[in-house]
């Protein structure tokens, strides 16, 4: 693989990852009523999924500045993608609201770096 092909592939992977992170921040809001119904919690409680995600993201903004200087880029990228995937798996397998909330926070940690 040439240097140019590697650069293009790296750009595509980064752009797709950024799209997934942005999409993940916004798509959940349309499912609040179904989530509340399926988990047996109130609508106000389900809104904590969006709030916790944004709080996790807000915490990671200053932390990311530190990590960018201390951790190699490749390792940091793999770590954040791993957090995002693990958080998504936790959310997918969640059978209670608390587990779903924890999964959303893990996703936030992975999508904001």
PDB file of N, CA and C in Angstrom:
ATOM      1  N   UNK A   1       0.849  -1.170   0.000  1.00  0.00           N
ATOM      2  CA  UNK A   1       0.000   0.000   0.000  1.00  0.00           C
ATOM      3  C   UNK A   1       0.896   1.234   0.000  1.00  0.00           C
ATOM      4  N   UNK A   2       0.614   2.137  -0.898  1.00  0.00           N
ATOM      5  CA  UNK A   2       1.421   3.351  -1.003  1.00  0.00           C
ATOM      6  C   UNK A   2       1.083   4.322   0.117  1.00  0.00           C
ATOM      7  N   UNK A   3       1.933   5.310   0.267  1.00  0.00           N
ATOM      8  CA  UNK A   3       1.718   6.329   1.299  1.00  0.00           C
ATOM      9  C   UNK A   3       0.428   7.099   1.032  1.00  0.00           C
ATOM     10  N   UNK A   4       0.169   7.390  -0.235  1.00  0.00           N
ATOM     11  CA  UNK A   4      -1.050   8.127  -0.576  1.00  0.00           C
ATOM     12  C   UNK A   4      -2.287   7.291  -0.245  1.00  0.00           C
ATOM     13  N   UNK A   5      -2.265   6.000  -0.550  1.00  0.00           N
ATOM     14  CA  UNK A   5      -3.404   5.126  -0.247  1.00  0.00           C
ATOM     15  C   UNK A   5      -3.619   5.030   1.256  1.00  0.00           C
ATOM     16  N   UNK A   6      -2.536   4.940   2.010  1.00  0.00           N
ATOM     17  CA  UNK A   6      -2.648   4.895   3.472  1.00  0.00           C
ATOM     18  C   UNK A   6      -3.246   6.184   4.013  1.00  0.00           C
ATOM     19  N   UNK A   7      -2.836   7.307   3.441  1.00  0.00           N
ATOM     20  CA  UNK A   7      -3.369   8.600   3.876  1.00  0.00           C
ATOM     21  C   UNK A   7      -4.864   8.700   3.587  1.00  0.00           C
ATOM     22  N   UNK A   8      -5.265   8.255   2.413  1.00  0.00           N
ATOM     23  CA  UNK A   8      -6.689   8.286   2.055  1.00  0.00           C
ATOM     24  C   UNK A   8      -7.482   7.356   2.968  1.00  0.00           C
ATOM     25  N   UNK A   9      -6.962   6.165   3.209  1.00  0.00           N
ATOM     26  CA  UNK A   9      -7.645   5.216   4.096  1.00  0.00           C
ATOM     27  C   UNK A   9      -7.766   5.784   5.508  1.00  0.00           C
ATOM     28  N   UNK A  10      -6.698   6.399   5.986  1.00  0.00           N
ATOM     29  CA  UNK A  10      -6.733   6.989   7.320  1.00  0.00           C
ATOM     30  C   UNK A  10      -7.768   8.112   7.398  1.00  0.00           C
ATOM     31  N   UNK A  11      -7.838   8.928   6.356  1.00  0.00           N
ATOM     32  CA  UNK A  11      -8.833   9.999   6.318  1.00  0.00           C
ATOM     33  C   UNK A  11     -10.247   9.431   6.326  1.00  0.00           C
ATOM     34  N   UNK A  12     -10.493   8.389   5.542  1.00  0.00           N
ATOM     35  CA  UNK A  12     -11.826   7.777   5.480  1.00  0.00           C
ATOM     36  C   UNK A  12     -12.214   7.200   6.839  1.00  0.00           C
ATOM     37  N   UNK A  13     -11.298   6.505   7.488  1.00  0.00           N
ATOM     38  CA  UNK A  13     -11.584   5.923   8.805  1.00  0.00           C
ATOM     39  C   UNK A  13     -11.879   7.016   9.825  1.00  0.00           C
ATOM     40  N   UNK A  14     -11.087   8.070   9.830  1.00  0.00           N
ATOM     41  CA  UNK A  14     -11.314   9.173  10.778  1.00  0.00           C
ATOM     42  C   UNK A  14     -12.627   9.898  10.497  1.00  0.00           C
ATOM     43  N   UNK A  15     -12.929  10.135   9.224  1.00  0.00           N
ATOM     44  CA  UNK A  15     -14.183  10.809   8.876  1.00  0.00           C
ATOM     45  C   UNK A  15     -15.387   9.960   9.256  1.00  0.00           C
ATOM     46  N   UNK A  16     -15.312   8.663   9.007  1.00  0.00           N
ATOM     47  CA  UNK A  16     -16.411   7.765   9.376  1.00  0.00           C
ATOM     48  C   UNK A  16     -16.582   7.712  10.890  1.00  0.00           C
ATOM     49  N   UNK A  17     -15.475   7.678  11.621  1.00  0.00           N
ATOM     50  CA  UNK A  17     -15.539   7.671  13.085  1.00  0.00           C
ATOM     51  C   UNK A  17     -16.169   8.952  13.618  1.00  0.00           C
ATOM     52  N   UNK A  18     -15.812  10.079  13.036  1.00  0.00           N
ATOM     53  CA  UNK A  18     -16.399  11.354  13.460  1.00  0.00           C
ATOM     54  C   UNK A  18     -17.889  11.381  13.163  1.00  0.00           C
ATOM     55  N   UNK A  19     -18.292  10.837  12.013  1.00  0.00           N
ATOM     56  CA  UNK A  19     -19.710  10.762  11.683  1.00  0.00           C
ATOM     57  C   UNK A  19     -20.453   9.906  12.698  1.00  0.00           C
ATOM     58  N   UNK A  20     -19.906   8.739  13.040  1.00  0.00           N
ATOM     59  CA  UNK A  20     -20.560   7.867  14.022  1.00  0.00           C
ATOM     60  C   UNK A  20     -20.683   8.544  15.389  1.00  0.00           C
ATOM     61  N   UNK A  21     -19.644   9.241  15.801  1.00  0.00           N
ATOM     62  CA  UNK A  21     -19.687   9.925  17.100  1.00  0.00           C
ATOM     63  C   UNK A  21     -20.764  11.007  17.111  1.00  0.00           C
ATOM     64  N   UNK A  22     -20.839  11.786  16.040  1.00  0.00           N
ATOM     65  CA  UNK A  22     -21.859  12.833  15.954  1.00  0.00           C
ATOM     66  C   UNK A  22     -23.255  12.241  15.872  1.00  0.00           C
ATOM     67  N   UNK A  23     -23.401  11.221  15.072  1.00  0.00           N
ATOM     68  CA  UNK A  23     -24.690  10.535  14.938  1.00  0.00           C
ATOM     69  C   UNK A  23     -25.134   9.966  16.276  1.00  0.00           C
ATOM     70  N   UNK A  24     -24.191   9.399  17.018  1.00  0.00           N
ATOM     71  CA  UNK A  24     -24.500   8.796  18.312  1.00  0.00           C
ATOM     72  C   UNK A  24     -24.977   9.825  19.329  1.00  0.00           C
ATOM     73  N   UNK A  25     -24.506  11.047  19.225  1.00  0.00           N
ATOM     74  CA  UNK A  25     -24.929  12.092  20.148  1.00  0.00           C
ATOM     75  C   UNK A  25     -26.393  12.477  19.945  1.00  0.00           C
ATOM     76  N   UNK A  26     -26.882  12.353  18.720  1.00  0.00           N
ATOM     77  CA  UNK A  26     -28.198  12.919  18.413  1.00  0.00           C
ATOM     78  C   UNK A  26     -29.310  11.909  18.157  1.00  0.00           C
ATOM     79  N   UNK A  27     -29.010  10.691  17.782  1.00  0.00           N
ATOM     80  CA  UNK A  27     -30.070   9.780  17.345  1.00  0.00           C
ATOM     81  C   UNK A  27     -30.916   9.216  18.475  1.00  0.00           C
ATOM     82  N   UNK A  28     -30.408   9.184  19.675  1.00  0.00           N
ATOM     83  CA  UNK A  28     -31.110   8.542  20.782  1.00  0.00           C
ATOM     84  C   UNK A  28     -32.403   9.255  21.158  1.00  0.00           C
ATOM     85  N   UNK A  29     -32.457  10.550  20.979  1.00  0.00           N
ATOM     86  CA  UNK A  29     -33.606  11.333  21.428  1.00  0.00           C
ATOM     87  C   UNK A  29     -34.925  10.866  20.821  1.00  0.00           C
ATOM     88  N   UNK A  30     -34.908  10.343  19.621  1.00  0.00           N
ATOM     89  CA  UNK A  30     -36.155   9.907  18.994  1.00  0.00           C
ATOM     90  C   UNK A  30     -36.683   8.606  19.611  1.00  0.00           C
ATOM     91  N   UNK A  31     -35.863   7.900  20.344  1.00  0.00           N
ATOM     92  CA  UNK A  31     -36.288   6.630  20.927  1.00  0.00           C
ATOM     93  C   UNK A  31     -36.634   6.688  22.399  1.00  0.00           C
ATOM     94  N   UNK A  32     -36.674   7.878  22.980  1.00  0.00           N
ATOM     95  CA  UNK A  32     -36.925   7.986  24.413  1.00  0.00           C
ATOM     96  C   UNK A  32     -38.205   7.293  24.859  1.00  0.00           C
ATOM     97  N   UNK A  33     -39.284   7.504  24.148  1.00  0.00           N
ATOM     98  CA  UNK A  33     -40.558   6.922  24.591  1.00  0.00           C
ATOM     99  C   UNK A  33     -40.527   5.399  24.532  1.00  0.00           C
ATOM    100  N   UNK A  34     -39.938   4.830  23.491  1.00  0.00           N
ATOM    101  CA  UNK A  34     -39.825   3.369  23.390  1.00  0.00           C
ATOM    102  C   UNK A  34     -38.905   2.805  24.467  1.00  0.00           C
ATOM    103  N   UNK A  35     -37.829   3.513  24.751  1.00  0.00           N
ATOM    104  CA  UNK A  35     -36.904   3.065  25.800  1.00  0.00           C
ATOM    105  C   UNK A  35     -37.594   3.091  27.153  1.00  0.00           C
ATOM    106  N   UNK A  36     -38.327   4.169  27.432  1.00  0.00           N
ATOM    107  CA  UNK A  36     -39.049   4.272  28.706  1.00  0.00           C
ATOM    108  C   UNK A  36     -40.052   3.133  28.842  1.00  0.00           C
ATOM    109  N   UNK A  37     -40.742   2.847  27.763  1.00  0.00           N
ATOM    110  CA  UNK A  37     -41.742   1.774  27.775  1.00  0.00           C
ATOM    111  C   UNK A  37     -41.103   0.402  27.977  1.00  0.00           C
ATOM    112  N   UNK A  38     -40.033   0.127  27.252  1.00  0.00           N
ATOM    113  CA  UNK A  38     -39.426  -1.211  27.317  1.00  0.00           C
ATOM    114  C   UNK A  38     -38.664  -1.462  28.614  1.00  0.00           C
ATOM    115  N   UNK A  39     -38.113  -0.412  29.222  1.00  0.00           N
ATOM    116  CA  UNK A  39     -37.385  -0.598  30.482  1.00  0.00           C
ATOM    117  C   UNK A  39     -38.232  -0.305  31.711  1.00  0.00           C
ATOM    118  N   UNK A  40     -39.446   0.168  31.493  1.00  0.00           N
ATOM    119  CA  UNK A  40     -40.350   0.424  32.612  1.00  0.00           C
ATOM    120  C   UNK A  40     -39.937   1.588  33.487  1.00  0.00           C
ATOM    121  N   UNK A  41     -39.401   2.638  32.876  1.00  0.00           N
ATOM    122  CA  UNK A  41     -39.032   3.834  33.634  1.00  0.00           C
ATOM    123  C   UNK A  41     -39.786   5.027  33.062  1.00  0.00           C
ATOM    124  N   UNK A  42     -39.777   6.121  33.808  1.00  0.00           N
ATOM    125  CA  UNK A  42     -40.465   7.321  33.356  1.00  0.00           C
ATOM    126  C   UNK A  42     -39.665   8.031  32.266  1.00  0.00           C
ATOM    127  N   UNK A  43     -40.367   8.823  31.493  1.00  0.00           N
ATOM    128  CA  UNK A  43     -39.732   9.566  30.397  1.00  0.00           C
ATOM    129  C   UNK A  43     -38.651  10.495  30.933  1.00  0.00           C
ATOM    130  N   UNK A  44     -38.905  11.137  32.078  1.00  0.00           N
ATOM    131  CA  UNK A  44     -37.916  12.048  32.666  1.00  0.00           C
ATOM    132  C   UNK A  44     -36.624  11.317  33.014  1.00  0.00           C
ATOM    133  N   UNK A  45     -36.749  10.075  33.433  1.00  0.00           N
ATOM    134  CA  UNK A  45     -35.572   9.275  33.773  1.00  0.00           C
ATOM    135  C   UNK A  45     -34.763   8.945  32.525  1.00  0.00           C
ATOM    136  N   UNK A  46     -35.444   8.630  31.445  1.00  0.00           N
ATOM    137  CA  UNK A  46     -34.765   8.272  30.194  1.00  0.00           C
ATOM    138  C   UNK A  46     -33.960   9.447  29.659  1.00  0.00           C
ATOM    139  N   UNK A  47     -34.375  10.651  29.929  1.00  0.00           N
ATOM    140  CA  UNK A  47     -33.630  11.815  29.450  1.00  0.00           C
ATOM    141  C   UNK A  47     -32.230  11.890  30.042  1.00  0.00           C
ATOM    142  N   UNK A  48     -31.995  11.165  31.126  1.00  0.00           N
ATOM    143  CA  UNK A  48     -30.661  11.107  31.707  1.00  0.00           C
ATOM    144  C   UNK A  48     -29.661  10.440  30.761  1.00  0.00           C
ATOM    145  N   UNK A  49     -30.147   9.651  29.810  1.00  0.00           N
ATOM    146  CA  UNK A  49     -29.238   9.033  28.836  1.00  0.00           C
ATOM    147  C   UNK A  49     -28.526  10.105  28.013  1.00  0.00           C
ATOM    148  N   UNK A  50     -29.251  11.109  27.582  1.00  0.00           N
ATOM    149  CA  UNK A  50     -28.644  12.206  26.821  1.00  0.00           C
ATOM    150  C   UNK A  50     -27.804  13.091  27.731  1.00  0.00           C
ATOM    151  N   UNK A  51     -28.303  13.368  28.933  1.00  0.00           N
ATOM    152  CA  UNK A  51     -27.578  14.232  29.867  1.00  0.00           C
ATOM    153  C   UNK A  51     -26.261  13.606  30.292  1.00  0.00           C
ATOM    154  N   UNK A  52     -26.284  12.322  30.633  1.00  0.00           N
ATOM    155  CA  UNK A  52     -25.058  11.641  31.058  1.00  0.00           C
ATOM    156  C   UNK A  52     -24.047  11.582  29.931  1.00  0.00           C
ATOM    157  N   UNK A  53     -24.534  11.388  28.713  1.00  0.00           N
ATOM    158  CA  UNK A  53     -23.634  11.363  27.556  1.00  0.00           C
ATOM    159  C   UNK A  53     -22.936  12.711  27.399  1.00  0.00           C
ATOM    160  N   UNK A  54     -23.694  13.777  27.496  1.00  0.00           N
ATOM    161  CA  UNK A  54     -23.106  15.114  27.339  1.00  0.00           C
ATOM    162  C   UNK A  54     -22.165  15.450  28.502  1.00  0.00           C
ATOM    163  N   UNK A  55     -22.497  15.002  29.711  1.00  0.00           N
ATOM    164  CA  UNK A  55     -21.590  15.223  30.841  1.00  0.00           C
ATOM    165  C   UNK A  55     -20.284  14.460  30.652  1.00  0.00           C
ATOM    166  N   UNK A  56     -20.383  13.219  30.184  1.00  0.00           N
ATOM    167  CA  UNK A  56     -19.175  12.451  29.896  1.00  0.00           C
ATOM    168  C   UNK A  56     -18.330  13.114  28.827  1.00  0.00           C
ATOM    169  N   UNK A  57     -18.993  13.637  27.812  1.00  0.00           N
ATOM    170  CA  UNK A  57     -18.284  14.341  26.743  1.00  0.00           C
ATOM    171  C   UNK A  57     -17.620  15.610  27.276  1.00  0.00           C
ATOM    172  N   UNK A  58     -18.315  16.324  28.138  1.00  0.00           N
ATOM    173  CA  UNK A  58     -17.765  17.558  28.700  1.00  0.00           C
ATOM    174  C   UNK A  58     -16.537  17.284  29.566  1.00  0.00           C
ATOM    175  N   UNK A  59     -16.542  16.183  30.271  1.00  0.00           N
ATOM    176  CA  UNK A  59     -15.383  15.814  31.085  1.00  0.00           C
ATOM    177  C   UNK A  59     -14.192  15.472  30.191  1.00  0.00           C
ATOM    178  N   UNK A  60     -14.467  14.829  29.067  1.00  0.00           N
ATOM    179  CA  UNK A  60     -13.385  14.370  28.206  1.00  0.00           C
ATOM    180  C   UNK A  60     -12.729  15.482  27.392  1.00  0.00           C
ATOM    181  N   UNK A  61     -13.376  16.611  27.232  1.00  0.00           N
ATOM    182  CA  UNK A  61     -12.770  17.697  26.448  1.00  0.00           C
ATOM    183  C   UNK A  61     -11.447  18.155  27.070  1.00  0.00           C
ATOM    184  N   UNK A  62     -11.388  18.518  28.358  1.00  0.00           N
ATOM    185  CA  UNK A  62     -10.085  18.906  28.909  1.00  0.00           C
ATOM    186  C   UNK A  62      -9.130  17.728  29.063  1.00  0.00           C
ATOM    187  N   UNK A  63      -9.677  16.541  29.334  1.00  0.00           N
ATOM    188  CA  UNK A  63      -8.820  15.356  29.480  1.00  0.00           C
ATOM    189  C   UNK A  63      -8.147  15.025  28.150  1.00  0.00           C
ATOM    190  N   UNK A  64      -8.866  15.221  27.057  1.00  0.00           N
ATOM    191  CA  UNK A  64      -8.298  14.893  25.745  1.00  0.00           C
ATOM    192  C   UNK A  64      -7.082  15.754  25.424  1.00  0.00           C
ATOM    193  N   UNK A  65      -7.077  17.000  25.855  1.00  0.00           N
ATOM    194  CA  UNK A  65      -5.910  17.860  25.621  1.00  0.00           C
ATOM    195  C   UNK A  65      -4.672  17.278  26.298  1.00  0.00           C
ATOM    196  N   UNK A  66      -4.847  16.753  27.488  1.00  0.00           N
ATOM    197  CA  UNK A  66      -3.743  16.108  28.201  1.00  0.00           C
ATOM    198  C   UNK A  66      -3.313  14.823  27.481  1.00  0.00           C
ATOM    199  N   UNK A  67      -4.299  14.003  27.098  1.00  0.00           N
ATOM    200  CA  UNK A  67      -3.988  12.720  26.474  1.00  0.00           C
ATOM    201  C   UNK A  67      -3.311  12.873  25.116  1.00  0.00           C
ATOM    202  N   UNK A  68      -3.682  13.912  24.361  1.00  0.00           N
ATOM    203  CA  UNK A  68      -3.055  14.141  23.060  1.00  0.00           C
ATOM    204  C   UNK A  68      -1.555  14.357  23.192  1.00  0.00           C
ATOM    205  N   UNK A  69      -1.138  14.949  24.318  1.00  0.00           N
ATOM    206  CA  UNK A  69       0.284  15.205  24.517  1.00  0.00           C
ATOM    207  C   UNK A  69       1.025  14.001  25.081  1.00  0.00           C
ATOM    208  N   UNK A  70       0.324  13.142  25.825  1.00  0.00           N
ATOM    209  CA  UNK A  70       0.994  12.065  26.548  1.00  0.00           C
ATOM    210  C   UNK A  70       0.897  10.687  25.891  1.00  0.00           C
ATOM    211  N   UNK A  71      -0.100  10.458  25.053  1.00  0.00           N
ATOM    212  CA  UNK A  71      -0.345   9.133  24.480  1.00  0.00           C
ATOM    213  C   UNK A  71      -0.142   9.213  22.967  1.00  0.00           C
ATOM    214  N   UNK A  72       0.552   8.242  22.391  1.00  0.00           N
ATOM    215  CA  UNK A  72       0.714   8.232  20.928  1.00  0.00           C
ATOM    216  C   UNK A  72      -0.644   8.201  20.216  1.00  0.00           C
ATOM    217  N   UNK A  73      -0.710   8.847  19.061  1.00  0.00           N
ATOM    218  CA  UNK A  73      -1.969   9.015  18.339  1.00  0.00           C
ATOM    219  C   UNK A  73      -2.633   7.690  18.006  1.00  0.00           C
ATOM    220  N   UNK A  74      -1.876   6.739  17.518  1.00  0.00           N
ATOM    221  CA  UNK A  74      -2.446   5.440  17.146  1.00  0.00           C
ATOM    222  C   UNK A  74      -3.052   4.732  18.355  1.00  0.00           C
ATOM    223  N   UNK A  75      -2.334   4.742  19.465  1.00  0.00           N
ATOM    224  CA  UNK A  75      -2.837   4.114  20.697  1.00  0.00           C
ATOM    225  C   UNK A  75      -4.091   4.823  21.183  1.00  0.00           C
ATOM    226  N   UNK A  76      -4.083   6.149  21.132  1.00  0.00           N
ATOM    227  CA  UNK A  76      -5.235   6.922  21.575  1.00  0.00           C
ATOM    228  C   UNK A  76      -6.460   6.657  20.701  1.00  0.00           C
ATOM    229  N   UNK A  77      -6.255   6.581  19.395  1.00  0.00           N
ATOM    230  CA  UNK A  77      -7.359   6.288  18.485  1.00  0.00           C
ATOM    231  C   UNK A  77      -7.938   4.905  18.763  1.00  0.00           C
ATOM    232  N   UNK A  78      -7.074   3.911  18.921  1.00  0.00           N
ATOM    233  CA  UNK A  78      -7.548   2.550  19.199  1.00  0.00           C
ATOM    234  C   UNK A  78      -8.262   2.482  20.550  1.00  0.00           C
ATOM    235  N   UNK A  79      -7.778   3.224  21.519  1.00  0.00           N
ATOM    236  CA  UNK A  79      -8.419   3.254  22.832  1.00  0.00           C
ATOM    237  C   UNK A  79      -9.814   3.860  22.757  1.00  0.00           C
ATOM    238  N   UNK A  80      -9.938   4.960  22.038  1.00  0.00           N
ATOM    239  CA  UNK A  80     -11.244   5.609  21.954  1.00  0.00           C
ATOM    240  C   UNK A  80     -12.244   4.787  21.146  1.00  0.00           C
ATOM    241  N   UNK A  81     -11.786   4.187  20.066  1.00  0.00           N
ATOM    242  CA  UNK A  81     -12.680   3.332  19.284  1.00  0.00           C
ATOM    243  C   UNK A  81     -13.102   2.121  20.113  1.00  0.00           C
ATOM    244  N   UNK A  82     -12.172   1.579  20.887  1.00  0.00           N
ATOM    245  CA  UNK A  82     -12.510   0.448  21.753  1.00  0.00           C
ATOM    246  C   UNK A  82     -13.549   0.839  22.803  1.00  0.00           C
ATOM    247  N   UNK A  83     -13.383   2.008  23.407  1.00  0.00           N
ATOM    248  CA  UNK A  83     -14.375   2.493  24.388  1.00  0.00           C
ATOM    249  C   UNK A  83     -15.740   2.654  23.729  1.00  0.00           C
ATOM    250  N   UNK A  84     -15.744   3.206  22.537  1.00  0.00           N
ATOM    251  CA  UNK A  84     -17.004   3.418  21.835  1.00  0.00           C
ATOM    252  C   UNK A  84     -17.683   2.080  21.525  1.00  0.00           C
ATOM    253  N   UNK A  85     -16.908   1.108  21.068  1.00  0.00           N
ATOM    254  CA  UNK A  85     -17.476  -0.206  20.742  1.00  0.00           C
ATOM    255  C   UNK A  85     -17.945  -0.922  22.001  1.00  0.00           C
ATOM    256  N   UNK A  86     -17.155  -0.890  23.062  1.00  0.00           N
ATOM    257  CA  UNK A  86     -17.561  -1.529  24.321  1.00  0.00           C
ATOM    258  C   UNK A  86     -18.827  -0.875  24.857  1.00  0.00           C
ATOM    259  N   UNK A  87     -18.881   0.457  24.820  1.00  0.00           N
ATOM    260  CA  UNK A  87     -20.087   1.160  25.265  1.00  0.00           C
ATOM    261  C   UNK A  87     -21.299   0.788  24.444  1.00  0.00           C
ATOM    262  N   UNK A  88     -21.105   0.647  23.145  1.00  0.00           N
ATOM    263  CA  UNK A  88     -22.213   0.249  22.264  1.00  0.00           C
ATOM    264  C   UNK A  88     -22.683  -1.165  22.585  1.00  0.00           C
ATOM    265  N   UNK A  89     -21.744  -2.062  22.852  1.00  0.00           N
ATOM    266  CA  UNK A  89     -22.114  -3.436  23.219  1.00  0.00           C
ATOM    267  C   UNK A  89     -22.862  -3.478  24.552  1.00  0.00           C
ATOM    268  N   UNK A  90     -22.395  -2.687  25.505  1.00  0.00           N
ATOM    269  CA  UNK A  90     -23.084  -2.627  26.802  1.00  0.00           C
ATOM    270  C   UNK A  90     -24.508  -2.121  26.606  1.00  0.00           C
ATOM    271  N   UNK A  91     -24.673  -1.083  25.787  1.00  0.00           N
ATOM    272  CA  UNK A  91     -26.013  -0.550  25.515  1.00  0.00           C
ATOM    273  C   UNK A  91     -26.883  -1.587  24.800  1.00  0.00           C
ATOM    274  N   UNK A  92     -26.289  -2.300  23.875  1.00  0.00           N
ATOM    275  CA  UNK A  92     -27.047  -3.287  23.119  1.00  0.00           C
ATOM    276  C   UNK A  92     -27.540  -4.418  24.018  1.00  0.00           C
ATOM    277  N   UNK A  93     -26.742  -4.802  24.989  1.00  0.00           N
ATOM    278  CA  UNK A  93     -27.088  -5.926  25.854  1.00  0.00           C
ATOM    279  C   UNK A  93     -27.795  -5.499  27.139  1.00  0.00           C
ATOM    280  N   UNK A  94     -27.991  -4.203  27.325  1.00  0.00           N
ATOM    281  CA  UNK A  94     -28.581  -3.697  28.574  1.00  0.00           C
ATOM    282  C   UNK A  94     -30.014  -4.175  28.737  1.00  0.00           C
ATOM    283  N   UNK A  95     -30.295  -4.676  29.927  1.00  0.00           N
ATOM    284  CA  UNK A  95     -31.664  -5.074  30.237  1.00  0.00           C
ATOM    285  C   UNK A  95     -32.253  -4.231  31.369  1.00  0.00           C
ATOM    286  N   UNK A  96     -31.449  -3.317  31.894  1.00  0.00           N
ATOM    287  CA  UNK A  96     -31.937  -2.368  32.894  1.00  0.00           C
ATOM    288  C   UNK A  96     -31.475  -0.967  32.505  1.00  0.00           C
ATOM    289  N   UNK A  97     -32.135   0.010  33.078  1.00  0.00           N
ATOM    290  CA  UNK A  97     -31.795   1.389  32.760  1.00  0.00           C
ATOM    291  C   UNK A  97     -30.387   1.746  33.227  1.00  0.00           C
ATOM    292  N   UNK A  98     -29.999   1.265  34.387  1.00  0.00           N
ATOM    293  CA  UNK A  98     -28.675   1.600  34.935  1.00  0.00           C
ATOM    294  C   UNK A  98     -27.569   1.086  34.015  1.00  0.00           C
ATOM    295  N   UNK A  99     -27.714  -0.120  33.505  1.00  0.00           N
ATOM    296  CA  UNK A  99     -26.709  -0.673  32.590  1.00  0.00           C
ATOM    297  C   UNK A  99     -26.672   0.143  31.293  1.00  0.00           C
ATOM    298  N   UNK A 100     -27.836   0.524  30.797  1.00  0.00           N
ATOM    299  CA  UNK A 100     -27.898   1.349  29.593  1.00  0.00           C
ATOM    300  C   UNK A 100     -27.224   2.699  29.828  1.00  0.00           C
ATOM    301  N   UNK A 101     -27.444   3.281  30.976  1.00  0.00           N
ATOM    302  CA  UNK A 101     -26.826   4.559  31.325  1.00  0.00           C
ATOM    303  C   UNK A 101     -25.299   4.421  31.393  1.00  0.00           C
ATOM    304  N   UNK A 102     -24.819   3.344  31.981  1.00  0.00           N
ATOM    305  CA  UNK A 102     -23.372   3.114  32.052  1.00  0.00           C
ATOM    306  C   UNK A 102     -22.783   2.947  30.646  1.00  0.00           C
ATOM    307  N   UNK A 103     -23.498   2.251  29.787  1.00  0.00           N
ATOM    308  CA  UNK A 103     -23.041   2.092  28.411  1.00  0.00           C
ATOM    309  C   UNK A 103     -22.938   3.423  27.681  1.00  0.00           C
ATOM    310  N   UNK A 104     -23.906   4.305  27.910  1.00  0.00           N
ATOM    311  CA  UNK A 104     -23.876   5.631  27.273  1.00  0.00           C
ATOM    312  C   UNK A 104     -22.680   6.455  27.751  1.00  0.00           C
ATOM    313  N   UNK A 105     -22.336   6.340  29.027  1.00  0.00           N
ATOM    314  CA  UNK A 105     -21.180   7.077  29.546  1.00  0.00           C
ATOM    315  C   UNK A 105     -19.902   6.519  28.930  1.00  0.00           C
ATOM    316  N   UNK A 106     -19.798   5.210  28.795  1.00  0.00           N
ATOM    317  CA  UNK A 106     -18.623   4.613  28.162  1.00  0.00           C
ATOM    318  C   UNK A 106     -18.532   5.070  26.710  1.00  0.00           C
ATOM    319  N   UNK A 107     -19.662   5.120  26.024  1.00  0.00           N
ATOM    320  CA  UNK A 107     -19.671   5.636  24.651  1.00  0.00           C
ATOM    321  C   UNK A 107     -19.167   7.071  24.599  1.00  0.00           C
ATOM    322  N   UNK A 108     -19.601   7.888  25.547  1.00  0.00           N
ATOM    323  CA  UNK A 108     -19.179   9.291  25.570  1.00  0.00           C
ATOM    324  C   UNK A 108     -17.674   9.406  25.742  1.00  0.00           C
ATOM    325  N   UNK A 109     -17.112   8.561  26.582  1.00  0.00           N
ATOM    326  CA  UNK A 109     -15.665   8.593  26.780  1.00  0.00           C
ATOM    327  C   UNK A 109     -14.922   8.233  25.501  1.00  0.00           C
ATOM    328  N   UNK A 110     -15.516   7.371  24.707  1.00  0.00           N
ATOM    329  CA  UNK A 110     -14.861   6.968  23.471  1.00  0.00           C
ATOM    330  C   UNK A 110     -15.114   7.890  22.300  1.00  0.00           C
ATOM    331  N   UNK A 111     -16.191   8.604  22.316  1.00  0.00           N
ATOM    332  CA  UNK A 111     -16.515   9.415  21.130  1.00  0.00           C
ATOM    333  C   UNK A 111     -15.979  10.836  21.215  1.00  0.00           C
ATOM    334  N   UNK A 112     -15.465  11.238  22.326  1.00  0.00           N
ATOM    335  CA  UNK A 112     -15.069  12.639  22.483  1.00  0.00           C
ATOM    336  C   UNK A 112     -13.582  12.877  22.410  1.00  0.00           C
ATOM    337  N   UNK A 113     -12.803  11.856  22.152  1.00  0.00           N
ATOM    338  CA  UNK A 113     -11.356  12.064  22.046  1.00  0.00           C
ATOM    339  C   UNK A 113     -10.931  12.229  20.659  1.00  0.00           C
TER     340      UNK A 113
END
